[in-house]
């Protein structure tokens, strides 16, 4: 080969190897691009939940997830404004920051509460005196009262207004949440059957949430003032923070009562704490206080008896659980709790039943005439009340609603809820029916046709409940208020009076004659109990001889006043009269 000549070398690669090399190179390019994109995403700043109008995915923790950094106002792509920053350090964070520091804070708009403007420096002495006589005293503001704990301050239950949030961005993700909120499941499985959970009558929102307070690591939290309707077409929840704070004080007093008197097996524990999370499926940020409660397994008694998917459980199965597995000790204690605390909303939806036969009482807010001033007590567990009478006779009959046809009650028909009558769950020695007439003892009691009598509780309470009743009775109403923390003396007086009646005169006497008391048209006579059910032709019937009277007290059962309808009153006796005591 002479100098200056070039020789070309040709290298031939099999086509299948060449294709493999090209694919590897393409994969390396894609991997590099993916890594670059991931690195860019990780490096991107992330807004705190308080800086978002909505946040669709909120990471738990006070810091962004690994690889992300908190958004800064200098970041041009964060869409965070000065309003967002001030909000993050201001009102929306009040509840959570106060919980962390233990200090209470007052909203800025309350700094001038109660101050009366005016200038009378040039007024004469007589004008000054007249002005002083008309000058209003500063209005009391619980936000400024250092003796009011933060959990009982109205501002703790007040979210930031949507107007204040409207300029904040909508975030696809954010950080800063402390609780992962989820909706209560739409359905539950009970005895291998599916049940739709009731939505409940309250407009307040209820979620499941993580917590380190319970052994299970989860609880239920009820939130007031959330400015969102619970369902399409529903009204926005009413927001009255001062009223909410008062209700919270009442519930904490009831919770303390339940713990001290040994009702914790039937009443879920309750506590108050801040909530910071987002509404699932919507992303609305929450950062104020809520009512926390232990999560309760089971389904409502209403669901168990009347509903179920694809269909209701067979009636013999329902009868079997209530006849043979119902925890009678808990039922009796539940009746004592309802009468002691003057519960006014104890219907089948507010009683949860579990597969082992245990029951749990939920929604215990309507008690001691704190909210429902016209109700003495009303529970399916205790005769003499309207809810128990509705179980016995049916709603339309007890409420005396007009009907095109004559109401005929099938003799012997029995709603299984009748088995929750406290008399059916007395210890055997107290449950035995006795023969013979005569006036009842100090406990009152009941007498059926032919002089037949049924069991009485009287003052034979379980030792722990008896000791609890005596402790309350030995206090003054003011001491009761101070000890349990009730919002006012009136409510404490109701508890003191009821406990005194129950321990000195007996359960039956307190139910018939004690205070708080229902209006006469809502005071029903004792009727024979049905303590076991059977199934006949697909319907429930009492499994033992049972001859109650189909009778009602005179008057309007809805208003509690005299009969005022343009049709005859089907009532037959003055409410609150007891033939067995005559």
Protein backbone atom coordinates (compact mmCIF):
# COMPACT_ATOMS: atom_id res chain seq x y z
CA UNK A 1 0.00 0.00 0.00
CA UNK A 2 1.60 3.23 -1.15
CA UNK A 3 1.74 6.28 1.07
CA UNK A 4 -1.26 8.52 0.75
CA UNK A 5 -3.63 5.75 0.01
CA UNK A 6 -6.52 5.19 2.38
CA UNK A 7 -8.05 1.87 3.05
CA UNK A 8 -11.72 1.64 4.07
CA UNK A 9 -12.60 -0.93 6.70
CA UNK A 10 -16.16 -2.20 6.62
CA UNK A 11 -17.73 -3.72 9.69
CA UNK A 12 -20.90 -5.60 9.20
CA UNK A 13 -23.28 -6.12 12.25
CA UNK A 14 -26.10 -8.56 12.08
CA UNK A 15 -29.42 -6.80 11.81
CA UNK A 16 -30.86 -8.31 15.00
CA UNK A 17 -27.87 -7.07 17.04
CA UNK A 18 -28.18 -3.60 15.56
CA UNK A 19 -31.85 -3.46 16.52
CA UNK A 20 -30.96 -4.47 20.08
CA UNK A 21 -28.38 -1.70 20.39
CA UNK A 22 -30.84 0.89 19.14
CA UNK A 23 -33.46 -0.26 21.65
CA UNK A 24 -30.96 -0.03 24.51
CA UNK A 25 -29.99 3.48 23.48
CA UNK A 26 -33.64 4.48 23.23
CA UNK A 27 -34.27 3.02 26.70
CA UNK A 28 -31.36 4.96 28.14
CA UNK A 29 -32.73 8.16 26.64
CA UNK A 30 -36.22 7.48 28.04
CA UNK A 31 -34.80 6.60 31.47
CA UNK A 32 -32.76 9.78 31.48
CA UNK A 33 -35.77 11.86 30.48
CA UNK A 34 -37.89 10.18 33.19
CA UNK A 35 -35.22 10.82 35.81
CA UNK A 36 -34.96 14.44 34.73
CA UNK A 37 -38.73 14.84 34.94
CA UNK A 38 -38.86 13.13 38.34
CA UNK A 39 -36.00 15.28 39.61
CA UNK A 40 -37.79 18.39 38.39
CA UNK A 41 -41.02 17.30 40.07
CA UNK A 42 -39.23 16.52 43.33
CA UNK A 43 -37.50 19.85 43.26
CA UNK A 44 -40.77 21.69 42.71
CA UNK A 45 -42.06 23.61 45.75
CA UNK A 46 -45.20 22.39 47.51
CA UNK A 47 -47.79 24.59 49.18
CA UNK A 48 -48.97 24.10 52.73
CA UNK A 49 -52.63 23.09 52.98
CA UNK A 50 -53.40 26.46 54.56
CA UNK A 51 -52.23 28.14 51.36
CA UNK A 52 -54.74 26.27 49.20
CA UNK A 53 -58.37 27.04 48.50
CA UNK A 54 -58.78 23.33 47.76
CA UNK A 55 -56.23 20.54 48.00
CA UNK A 56 -56.97 17.24 46.30
CA UNK A 57 -54.14 15.28 47.92
CA UNK A 58 -52.79 16.34 51.28
CA UNK A 59 -49.63 14.71 52.61
CA UNK A 60 -49.50 14.06 56.34
CA UNK A 61 -46.82 15.91 58.27
CA UNK A 62 -45.54 19.40 58.94
CA UNK A 63 -42.95 19.08 56.17
CA UNK A 64 -43.30 18.22 52.48
CA UNK A 65 -42.58 14.61 51.45
CA UNK A 66 -38.92 13.68 50.73
CA UNK A 67 -37.50 15.47 47.71
CA UNK A 68 -39.97 18.36 47.85
CA UNK A 69 -39.49 21.70 49.51
CA UNK A 70 -41.97 24.15 51.06
CA UNK A 71 -43.27 26.80 48.69
CA UNK A 72 -41.75 30.22 49.13
CA UNK A 73 -43.16 33.57 48.08
CA UNK A 74 -40.11 34.00 45.84
CA UNK A 75 -41.25 31.02 43.76
CA UNK A 76 -43.10 32.46 40.82
CA UNK A 77 -44.94 29.25 40.04
CA UNK A 78 -46.42 28.58 43.46
CA UNK A 79 -49.47 30.82 42.90
CA UNK A 80 -49.19 31.67 46.61
CA UNK A 81 -50.12 35.22 47.49
CA UNK A 82 -49.51 37.39 50.51
CA UNK A 83 -53.05 36.54 51.60
CA UNK A 84 -52.12 32.86 51.61
CA UNK A 85 -49.05 33.45 53.73
CA UNK A 86 -50.85 35.60 56.27
CA UNK A 87 -53.62 33.05 56.38
CA UNK A 88 -51.16 30.23 57.02
CA UNK A 89 -49.81 32.12 60.01
CA UNK A 90 -53.17 33.45 61.14
CA UNK A 91 -56.75 32.49 61.79
CA UNK A 92 -56.93 29.11 60.06
CA UNK A 93 -54.01 27.83 62.10
CA UNK A 94 -55.34 29.05 65.42
CA UNK A 95 -56.76 25.74 66.61
CA UNK A 96 -53.79 23.58 65.68
CA UNK A 97 -51.12 26.03 66.84
CA UNK A 98 -52.90 26.58 70.12
CA UNK A 99 -53.17 22.84 70.64
CA UNK A 100 -49.44 22.50 70.10
CA UNK A 101 -48.47 25.36 72.39
CA UNK A 102 -51.23 25.03 74.97
CA UNK A 103 -51.98 28.75 74.71
CA UNK A 104 -55.31 30.27 73.75
CA UNK A 105 -55.61 32.97 71.12
CA UNK A 106 -58.37 35.41 70.26
CA UNK A 107 -59.38 36.37 66.72
CA UNK A 108 -58.15 39.75 65.57
CA UNK A 109 -61.67 40.96 64.94
CA UNK A 110 -62.44 40.58 68.64
CA UNK A 111 -59.76 42.99 69.80
CA UNK A 112 -62.27 45.83 70.00
CA UNK A 113 -65.22 43.80 71.29
CA UNK A 114 -67.35 45.68 73.77
CA UNK A 115 -65.65 49.08 73.36
CA UNK A 116 -68.07 52.02 73.08
CA UNK A 117 -66.85 54.90 70.96
CA UNK A 118 -67.57 58.47 72.05
CA UNK A 119 -66.03 61.78 73.06
CA UNK A 120 -67.60 63.79 75.85
CA UNK A 121 -64.60 65.92 76.83
CA UNK A 122 -66.50 69.16 76.08
CA UNK A 123 -69.76 68.10 77.71
CA UNK A 124 -71.14 69.71 80.84
CA UNK A 125 -71.22 67.80 84.11
CA UNK A 126 -74.94 67.06 83.70
CA UNK A 127 -74.36 65.84 80.17
CA UNK A 128 -71.51 63.65 81.38
CA UNK A 129 -73.74 62.15 84.08
CA UNK A 130 -76.47 61.46 81.54
CA UNK A 131 -73.93 59.95 79.18
CA UNK A 132 -72.52 57.72 81.92
CA UNK A 133 -75.99 56.44 82.80
CA UNK A 134 -76.59 55.44 79.20
CA UNK A 135 -73.13 54.05 78.55
CA UNK A 136 -73.29 50.32 77.90
CA UNK A 137 -71.09 47.98 79.84
CA UNK A 138 -68.59 46.05 77.70
CA UNK A 139 -70.22 42.92 76.37
CA UNK A 140 -68.77 39.69 77.73
CA UNK A 141 -66.52 37.98 75.22
CA UNK A 142 -65.45 34.40 76.01
CA UNK A 143 -62.57 34.82 73.58
CA UNK A 144 -60.99 37.30 75.95
CA UNK A 145 -61.72 35.35 79.11
CA UNK A 146 -58.48 33.64 80.21
CA UNK A 147 -60.43 31.14 82.35
CA UNK A 148 -62.15 29.62 79.31
CA UNK A 149 -60.08 26.75 77.86
CA UNK A 150 -59.48 26.95 74.13
CA UNK A 151 -61.68 23.90 73.47
CA UNK A 152 -64.66 25.86 74.80
CA UNK A 153 -63.98 29.10 72.93
CA UNK A 154 -66.38 29.75 70.02
CA UNK A 155 -63.51 30.62 67.66
CA UNK A 156 -62.20 27.06 67.96
CA UNK A 157 -65.19 25.87 65.92
CA UNK A 158 -65.19 28.67 63.35
CA UNK A 159 -63.58 28.04 59.94
CA UNK A 160 -62.15 30.79 57.81
CA UNK A 161 -64.80 32.22 55.51
CA UNK A 162 -64.88 31.17 51.87
CA UNK A 163 -64.54 34.84 50.92
CA UNK A 164 -61.16 34.95 52.66
CA UNK A 165 -60.09 31.81 50.80
CA UNK A 166 -61.34 32.61 47.31
CA UNK A 167 -58.03 34.11 46.08
CA UNK A 168 -56.00 31.06 47.12
CA UNK A 169 -55.02 28.51 44.47
CA UNK A 170 -56.47 25.06 43.93
CA UNK A 171 -53.67 22.59 44.69
CA UNK A 172 -53.35 19.18 43.14
CA UNK A 173 -51.33 18.22 46.21
CA UNK A 174 -50.10 19.92 49.36
CA UNK A 175 -48.63 19.10 52.76
CA UNK A 176 -49.41 19.94 56.37
CA UNK A 177 -52.37 17.67 57.14
CA UNK A 178 -52.37 15.86 60.46
CA UNK A 179 -55.38 13.64 59.89
CA UNK A 180 -56.39 11.43 57.00
CA UNK A 181 -60.16 11.93 56.84
CA UNK A 182 -62.33 9.36 55.10
CA UNK A 183 -66.07 9.14 54.68
CA UNK A 184 -67.99 6.78 56.90
CA UNK A 185 -68.63 3.75 54.75
CA UNK A 186 -71.95 3.74 52.96
CA UNK A 187 -72.51 0.15 54.04
CA UNK A 188 -71.61 -2.33 56.76
CA UNK A 189 -71.49 -6.11 56.89
CA UNK A 190 -73.31 -7.70 59.80
CA UNK A 191 -73.92 -11.42 60.18
CA UNK A 192 -72.83 -11.86 56.54
CA UNK A 193 -75.49 -9.41 55.37
CA UNK A 194 -74.97 -5.94 53.93
CA UNK A 195 -76.63 -2.85 55.39
CA UNK A 196 -76.72 0.73 54.15
CA UNK A 197 -75.63 3.05 56.93
CA UNK A 198 -78.08 5.83 57.79
CA UNK A 199 -77.00 9.35 56.86
CA UNK A 200 -78.44 10.73 60.09
CA UNK A 201 -80.56 13.80 60.60
CA UNK A 202 -77.74 16.14 61.60
CA UNK A 203 -76.33 18.56 59.01
CA UNK A 204 -72.87 18.30 60.58
CA UNK A 205 -70.23 16.24 58.80
CA UNK A 206 -68.87 13.01 60.30
CA UNK A 207 -65.62 11.34 59.20
CA UNK A 208 -63.37 8.49 60.19
CA UNK A 209 -59.87 9.65 61.05
CA UNK A 210 -56.53 8.39 62.31
CA UNK A 211 -55.65 9.08 65.94
CA UNK A 212 -53.23 7.91 68.61
CA UNK A 213 -55.89 8.24 71.32
CA UNK A 214 -57.61 4.90 70.70
CA UNK A 215 -56.10 1.43 70.66
CA UNK A 216 -57.44 0.81 67.17
CA UNK A 217 -55.72 3.93 65.85
CA UNK A 218 -58.92 5.37 64.43
CA UNK A 219 -61.93 7.30 65.61
CA UNK A 220 -64.96 9.21 64.38
CA UNK A 221 -64.85 13.00 64.29
CA UNK A 222 -67.87 15.27 64.00
CA UNK A 223 -67.28 18.69 62.49
CA UNK A 224 -69.54 21.68 62.92
CA UNK A 225 -69.69 24.74 60.64
CA UNK A 226 -68.25 23.01 57.57
CA UNK A 227 -69.65 25.26 54.79
CA UNK A 228 -70.62 22.40 52.50
CA UNK A 229 -73.96 20.56 52.16
CA UNK A 230 -73.77 16.87 53.09
CA UNK A 231 -75.74 15.81 50.05
CA UNK A 232 -76.91 17.42 46.78
CA UNK A 233 -79.74 19.85 47.37
CA UNK A 234 -79.25 19.87 51.14
CA UNK A 235 -78.95 23.07 53.14
CA UNK A 236 -75.63 24.34 54.40
CA UNK A 237 -75.02 23.40 58.05
CA UNK A 238 -75.93 26.12 60.50
CA UNK A 239 -72.87 27.74 61.99
CA UNK A 240 -73.31 29.05 65.52
CA UNK A 241 -69.87 28.75 67.13
CA UNK A 242 -71.01 30.03 70.52
CA UNK A 243 -73.79 27.44 70.63
CA UNK A 244 -71.42 24.72 69.44
CA UNK A 245 -68.93 25.57 72.20
CA UNK A 246 -71.73 25.30 74.77
CA UNK A 247 -72.82 21.91 73.40
CA UNK A 248 -69.21 20.73 73.60
CA UNK A 249 -69.08 21.70 77.27
CA UNK A 250 -72.29 19.74 77.85
CA UNK A 251 -70.97 16.65 76.07
CA UNK A 252 -67.69 16.70 77.96
CA UNK A 253 -69.67 16.82 81.21
CA UNK A 254 -71.73 13.81 80.07
CA UNK A 255 -68.52 12.00 79.11
CA UNK A 256 -67.08 12.59 82.58
CA UNK A 257 -70.33 11.35 84.11
CA UNK A 258 -70.17 8.20 81.97
CA UNK A 259 -66.60 7.50 83.06
CA UNK A 260 -67.18 8.11 86.76
CA UNK A 261 -70.42 6.11 86.88
CA UNK A 262 -69.16 3.16 84.85
CA UNK A 263 -71.16 3.62 81.65
CA UNK A 264 -68.13 3.38 79.36
CA UNK A 265 -69.18 -0.07 78.16
CA UNK A 266 -72.33 1.38 76.59
CA UNK A 267 -71.36 5.01 75.87
CA UNK A 268 -68.46 5.69 73.47
CA UNK A 269 -65.70 7.86 74.83
CA UNK A 270 -65.70 11.48 73.56
CA UNK A 271 -63.01 14.15 73.51
CA UNK A 272 -62.27 17.50 71.85
CA UNK A 273 -59.23 18.11 69.67
CA UNK A 274 -58.16 20.07 66.58
CA UNK A 275 -58.64 18.56 63.14
CA UNK A 276 -56.40 19.35 60.20
CA UNK A 277 -57.20 17.58 56.97
CA UNK A 278 -59.24 17.92 53.80
CA UNK A 279 -62.75 16.76 52.94
CA UNK A 280 -62.26 13.57 50.91
CA UNK A 281 -63.34 13.87 47.29
CA UNK A 282 -63.66 17.66 47.57
CA UNK A 283 -60.38 18.88 49.03
CA UNK A 284 -61.83 21.59 51.26
CA UNK A 285 -59.24 22.30 54.00
CA UNK A 286 -60.24 21.84 57.63
CA UNK A 287 -58.28 23.38 60.48
CA UNK A 288 -60.53 23.83 63.49
CA UNK A 289 -61.73 21.79 66.44
CA UNK A 290 -64.03 18.79 66.27
CA UNK A 291 -65.86 16.34 68.51
CA UNK A 292 -63.95 13.04 68.53
CA UNK A 293 -65.56 9.72 69.46
CA UNK A 294 -64.54 6.11 69.66
CA UNK A 295 -65.44 4.17 66.54
CA UNK A 296 -68.34 1.80 67.25
CA UNK A 297 -68.65 -1.55 65.50
CA UNK A 298 -72.03 -2.93 64.53
CA UNK A 299 -75.15 -1.46 62.95
CA UNK A 300 -78.15 0.40 64.24
CA UNK A 301 -81.00 -1.58 65.74
CA UNK A 302 -83.27 0.04 63.15
CA UNK A 303 -81.10 -1.33 60.37
CA UNK A 304 -80.88 -4.78 61.89
CA UNK A 305 -84.61 -5.27 62.39
CA UNK A 306 -86.04 -3.61 59.31
CA UNK A 307 -83.41 -3.41 56.55
CA UNK A 308 -80.59 -5.25 54.81
CA UNK A 309 -79.29 -6.05 51.30
CA UNK A 310 -80.14 -7.90 49.18
CA UNK A 311 -82.89 -8.37 51.73
CA UNK A 312 -83.54 -8.33 55.44
CA UNK A 313 -82.20 -11.20 57.51
CA UNK A 314 -84.79 -13.94 58.07
CA UNK A 315 -87.09 -13.00 60.98
CA UNK A 316 -86.11 -16.16 62.94
CA UNK A 317 -82.46 -15.02 62.79
CA UNK A 318 -83.38 -11.57 64.10
CA UNK A 319 -85.54 -13.08 66.84
CA UNK A 320 -82.76 -15.51 67.77
CA UNK A 321 -80.18 -12.79 68.39
CA UNK A 322 -82.52 -10.62 70.44
CA UNK A 323 -84.06 -13.53 72.37
CA UNK A 324 -80.90 -15.45 73.21
CA UNK A 325 -77.78 -13.30 72.72
CA UNK A 326 -78.82 -9.80 73.77
CA UNK A 327 -76.57 -8.56 76.57
CA UNK A 328 -79.22 -7.96 79.21
CA UNK A 329 -76.80 -6.37 81.66
CA UNK A 330 -75.95 -3.69 79.14
CA UNK A 331 -79.59 -3.07 78.28
CA UNK A 332 -80.44 -2.50 81.94
CA UNK A 333 -77.49 -0.14 82.39
CA UNK A 334 -78.51 1.69 79.21
CA UNK A 335 -82.00 2.26 80.63
CA UNK A 336 -80.49 3.65 83.85
CA UNK A 337 -78.23 5.95 81.81
CA UNK A 338 -81.13 7.21 79.70
CA UNK A 339 -83.32 8.01 82.70
CA UNK A 340 -80.47 9.51 84.74
CA UNK A 341 -79.38 11.82 81.91
CA UNK A 342 -82.93 12.43 80.65
CA UNK A 343 -82.13 11.33 77.10
CA UNK A 344 -84.71 12.60 74.61
CA UNK A 345 -83.63 11.02 71.33
CA UNK A 346 -83.14 7.35 72.13
CA UNK A 347 -84.69 5.59 69.15
CA UNK A 348 -83.51 2.52 67.26
CA UNK A 349 -81.10 4.44 65.02
CA UNK A 350 -79.22 5.65 68.09
CA UNK A 351 -78.70 2.15 69.49
CA UNK A 352 -75.97 0.07 67.86
CA UNK A 353 -76.11 -3.68 68.16
CA UNK A 354 -73.16 -6.00 67.68
CA UNK A 355 -73.01 -9.62 66.60
CA UNK A 356 -72.26 -10.81 70.12
CA UNK A 357 -75.44 -9.15 71.42
CA UNK A 358 -73.82 -6.09 72.99
CA UNK A 359 -75.42 -2.68 72.52
CA UNK A 360 -73.86 0.79 72.42
CA UNK A 361 -75.65 4.14 72.78
CA UNK A 362 -74.70 6.87 70.30
CA UNK A 363 -75.78 10.50 69.78
CA UNK A 364 -76.27 11.42 73.43
CA UNK A 365 -76.48 15.19 72.92
CA UNK A 366 -80.21 15.67 73.61
CA UNK A 367 -80.10 15.23 77.36
CA UNK A 368 -80.96 16.93 80.67
CA UNK A 369 -83.16 19.47 78.84
CA UNK A 370 -80.08 21.28 77.62
CA UNK A 371 -81.43 21.63 74.09
CA UNK A 372 -84.92 20.13 74.08
CA UNK A 373 -86.63 22.13 76.79
CA UNK A 374 -90.05 20.54 76.20
CA UNK A 375 -88.83 16.98 76.69
CA UNK A 376 -88.41 15.37 80.10
CA UNK A 377 -86.96 12.11 78.71
CA UNK A 378 -87.84 9.81 75.81
CA UNK A 379 -86.31 6.37 75.29
CA UNK A 380 -87.38 3.06 73.76
CA UNK A 381 -85.76 1.42 76.79
CA UNK A 382 -88.08 2.97 79.36
CA UNK A 383 -91.91 2.69 79.50
CA UNK A 384 -93.98 5.85 80.10
CA UNK A 385 -92.23 7.54 77.14
CA UNK A 386 -93.54 8.27 73.67
CA UNK A 387 -90.75 6.45 71.83
CA UNK A 388 -91.39 3.28 73.81
CA UNK A 389 -95.13 3.60 73.18
CA UNK A 390 -94.52 4.03 69.43
CA UNK A 391 -92.64 0.72 69.46
CA UNK A 392 -95.64 -0.88 71.13
CA UNK A 393 -98.45 0.69 69.08
CA UNK A 394 -96.94 2.27 65.92
CA UNK A 395 -96.08 5.87 65.12
CA UNK A 396 -99.30 6.96 63.39
CA UNK A 397 -101.44 5.56 66.21
CA UNK A 398 -99.48 7.17 69.06
CA UNK A 399 -99.26 10.54 67.32
CA UNK A 400 -103.01 10.37 66.58
CA UNK A 401 -102.49 11.11 62.90
CA UNK A 402 -105.62 11.22 60.72
CA UNK A 403 -106.44 8.11 58.75
CA UNK A 404 -109.09 7.28 56.15
CA UNK A 405 -109.65 3.93 57.79
CA UNK A 406 -110.04 2.87 61.37
CA UNK A 407 -106.74 1.90 62.95
CA UNK A 408 -106.88 -1.71 64.05
CA UNK A 409 -103.89 -3.03 65.92
CA UNK A 410 -103.33 -6.76 65.33
CA UNK A 411 -103.58 -8.45 68.69
CA UNK A 412 -100.36 -10.11 69.68
CA UNK A 413 -98.17 -8.34 67.10
CA UNK A 414 -94.88 -7.34 68.74
CA UNK A 415 -92.00 -5.22 67.47
CA UNK A 416 -88.69 -6.90 68.46
CA UNK A 417 -87.59 -3.57 69.95
CA UNK A 418 -89.91 -4.37 72.86
CA UNK A 419 -87.25 -6.76 74.11
CA UNK A 420 -85.17 -3.72 75.08
CA UNK A 421 -87.74 -2.76 77.73
CA UNK A 422 -85.62 -2.62 80.89
CA UNK A 423 -88.10 -4.88 82.72
CA UNK A 424 -87.23 -7.74 80.34
CA UNK A 425 -83.58 -7.41 81.32
CA UNK A 426 -83.80 -7.36 85.10
CA UNK A 427 -81.97 -10.05 87.08
CA UNK A 428 -84.10 -13.20 87.47
CA UNK A 429 -84.95 -12.51 91.10
CA UNK A 430 -86.37 -9.09 90.18
CA UNK A 431 -88.02 -10.14 86.94
CA UNK A 432 -90.39 -12.71 88.43
CA UNK A 433 -93.98 -11.69 88.06
CA UNK A 434 -96.10 -11.75 91.18
CA UNK A 435 -99.79 -12.32 91.64
CA UNK A 436 -102.10 -10.23 93.77
CA UNK A 437 -103.24 -6.66 94.01
CA UNK A 438 -102.31 -4.00 96.48
CA UNK A 439 -100.49 -0.75 96.30
CA UNK A 440 -96.97 -0.73 94.88
CA UNK A 441 -94.04 -0.10 97.13
CA UNK A 442 -91.84 2.96 97.10
CA UNK A 443 -90.48 2.00 93.69
CA UNK A 444 -93.84 2.25 91.98
CA UNK A 445 -93.93 -0.74 89.68
CA UNK A 446 -96.66 -1.92 87.33
CA UNK A 447 -99.72 -4.07 87.51
CA UNK A 448 -101.42 -5.85 84.66
CA UNK A 449 -104.96 -7.05 84.22
CA UNK A 450 -106.19 -9.37 86.92
CA UNK A 451 -103.75 -7.96 89.46
CA UNK A 452 -100.71 -9.44 87.69
CA UNK A 453 -97.50 -7.56 88.48
CA UNK A 454 -94.21 -7.50 86.66
CA UNK A 455 -90.63 -7.00 87.72
CA UNK A 456 -89.35 -3.79 89.28
CA UNK A 457 -85.88 -2.32 89.51
CA UNK A 458 -86.68 -0.03 92.43
CA UNK A 459 -83.42 0.98 94.12
CA UNK A 460 -81.67 -2.36 93.47
CA UNK A 461 -79.07 -0.88 91.13
CA UNK A 462 -75.74 -2.55 90.46
CA UNK A 463 -73.31 -1.42 93.21
CA UNK A 464 -71.25 0.92 91.01
CA UNK A 465 -74.36 2.68 89.69
CA UNK A 466 -75.85 2.96 93.17
CA UNK A 467 -72.65 4.56 94.44
CA UNK A 468 -72.66 6.99 91.52
CA UNK A 469 -76.26 8.03 92.13
CA UNK A 470 -75.55 8.60 95.82
CA UNK A 471 -72.47 10.75 95.10
CA UNK A 472 -74.50 12.99 92.81
CA UNK A 473 -77.43 13.16 95.25
CA UNK A 474 -75.08 14.17 98.08
CA UNK A 475 -73.86 17.21 96.11
CA UNK A 476 -75.63 20.50 95.64
CA UNK A 477 -76.63 21.49 92.09
CA UNK A 478 -73.79 24.02 92.00
CA UNK A 479 -71.33 21.37 93.10
CA UNK A 480 -72.67 19.07 90.38
CA UNK A 481 -72.09 21.78 87.82
CA UNK A 482 -68.58 22.49 89.04
CA UNK A 483 -67.59 18.83 89.34
CA UNK A 484 -68.75 17.69 85.90
CA UNK A 485 -68.39 21.01 84.08
CA UNK A 486 -71.97 21.50 82.89
CA UNK A 487 -72.63 24.79 81.06
CA UNK A 488 -75.22 26.04 83.56
CA UNK A 489 -76.79 25.31 86.93
CA UNK A 490 -80.19 24.49 85.40
CA UNK A 491 -78.82 21.45 83.61
CA UNK A 492 -76.88 20.38 86.71
CA UNK A 493 -80.06 20.72 88.78
CA UNK A 494 -81.85 18.33 86.42
CA UNK A 495 -79.14 15.72 86.94
CA UNK A 496 -79.11 16.25 90.71
CA UNK A 497 -82.91 15.94 90.97
CA UNK A 498 -83.04 12.81 88.83
CA UNK A 499 -80.22 11.08 90.71
CA UNK A 500 -81.85 11.92 94.04
CA UNK A 501 -85.22 10.52 92.94
CA UNK A 502 -83.67 7.37 91.51
CA UNK A 503 -81.61 6.51 94.60
CA UNK A 504 -84.19 7.46 97.23
CA UNK A 505 -87.53 6.60 95.60
CA UNK A 506 -86.53 4.11 92.93
CA UNK A 507 -86.36 3.81 89.16
CA UNK A 508 -90.09 3.41 88.53
CA UNK A 509 -91.06 6.34 90.76
CA UNK A 510 -88.53 8.57 88.99
CA UNK A 511 -89.87 7.53 85.59
CA UNK A 512 -93.47 8.27 86.57
CA UNK A 513 -93.29 11.24 88.92
CA UNK A 514 -89.74 12.64 88.79
CA UNK A 515 -88.33 15.68 87.06
CA UNK A 516 -87.55 16.63 84.35
CA UNK A 517 -91.04 15.58 83.35
CA UNK A 518 -92.94 15.29 80.09
CA UNK A 519 -96.22 17.09 79.47
CA UNK A 520 -99.34 15.03 80.40
CA UNK A 521 -100.25 14.13 76.77
CA UNK A 522 -96.79 12.50 76.53
CA UNK A 523 -96.89 10.55 79.82
CA UNK A 524 -97.98 6.99 79.09
CA UNK A 525 -99.04 4.27 81.49
CA UNK A 526 -97.02 1.14 82.12
CA UNK A 527 -98.17 -1.77 79.99
CA UNK A 528 -97.27 -5.48 80.33
CA UNK A 529 -93.85 -6.18 78.80
CA UNK A 530 -93.22 -8.56 75.92
CA UNK A 531 -89.88 -10.19 76.71
CA UNK A 532 -89.59 -12.81 73.97
CA UNK A 533 -90.72 -12.87 70.35
CA UNK A 534 -91.56 -15.59 67.86
CA UNK A 535 -92.35 -15.58 64.15
CA UNK A 536 -95.86 -16.33 62.93
CA UNK A 537 -96.74 -16.10 59.24
CA UNK A 538 -93.61 -14.02 58.64
CA UNK A 539 -94.43 -11.50 61.37
CA UNK A 540 -93.16 -11.05 64.89
CA UNK A 541 -95.47 -11.90 67.75
CA UNK A 542 -95.00 -12.11 71.47
CA UNK A 543 -93.88 -15.61 72.46
CA UNK A 544 -95.70 -15.61 75.79
CA UNK A 545 -99.18 -14.50 76.94
CA UNK A 546 -99.35 -10.76 76.44
CA UNK A 547 -102.43 -8.59 76.71
CA UNK A 548 -101.53 -4.90 76.64
CA UNK A 549 -104.24 -2.28 76.43
CA UNK A 550 -104.53 -0.15 73.30
CA UNK A 551 -104.97 3.16 75.10
CA UNK A 552 -103.51 6.65 74.89
CA UNK A 553 -103.48 9.74 77.13
CA UNK A 554 -105.71 12.69 76.35
CA UNK A 555 -104.31 15.71 74.53
CA UNK A 556 -102.08 16.57 71.61
CA UNK A 557 -99.12 14.14 71.60
CA UNK A 558 -97.04 16.39 69.37
CA UNK A 559 -97.34 19.75 71.14
CA UNK A 560 -97.99 18.33 74.60
CA UNK A 561 -100.97 20.64 75.00
CA UNK A 562 -104.76 20.20 75.05
CA UNK A 563 -106.44 18.49 72.09
CA UNK A 564 -106.97 21.09 69.37
CA UNK A 565 -108.00 19.10 66.28
CA UNK A 566 -111.38 19.11 64.49
CA UNK A 567 -111.84 15.39 65.14
CA UNK A 568 -112.46 13.45 68.37
CA UNK A 569 -109.49 12.85 70.63
CA UNK A 570 -108.78 9.09 70.64
CA UNK A 571 -107.17 9.48 74.08
CA UNK A 572 -108.94 7.81 77.00
CA UNK A 573 -107.11 8.79 80.21
CA UNK A 574 -105.29 11.81 81.72
CA UNK A 575 -101.59 11.42 81.07
CA UNK A 576 -99.42 10.94 84.13
CA UNK A 577 -102.03 9.00 86.12
CA UNK A 578 -101.12 5.56 87.44
CA UNK A 579 -103.94 3.19 88.51
CA UNK A 580 -101.47 0.78 90.13
CA UNK A 581 -100.56 3.46 92.68
CA UNK A 582 -104.13 4.28 93.68
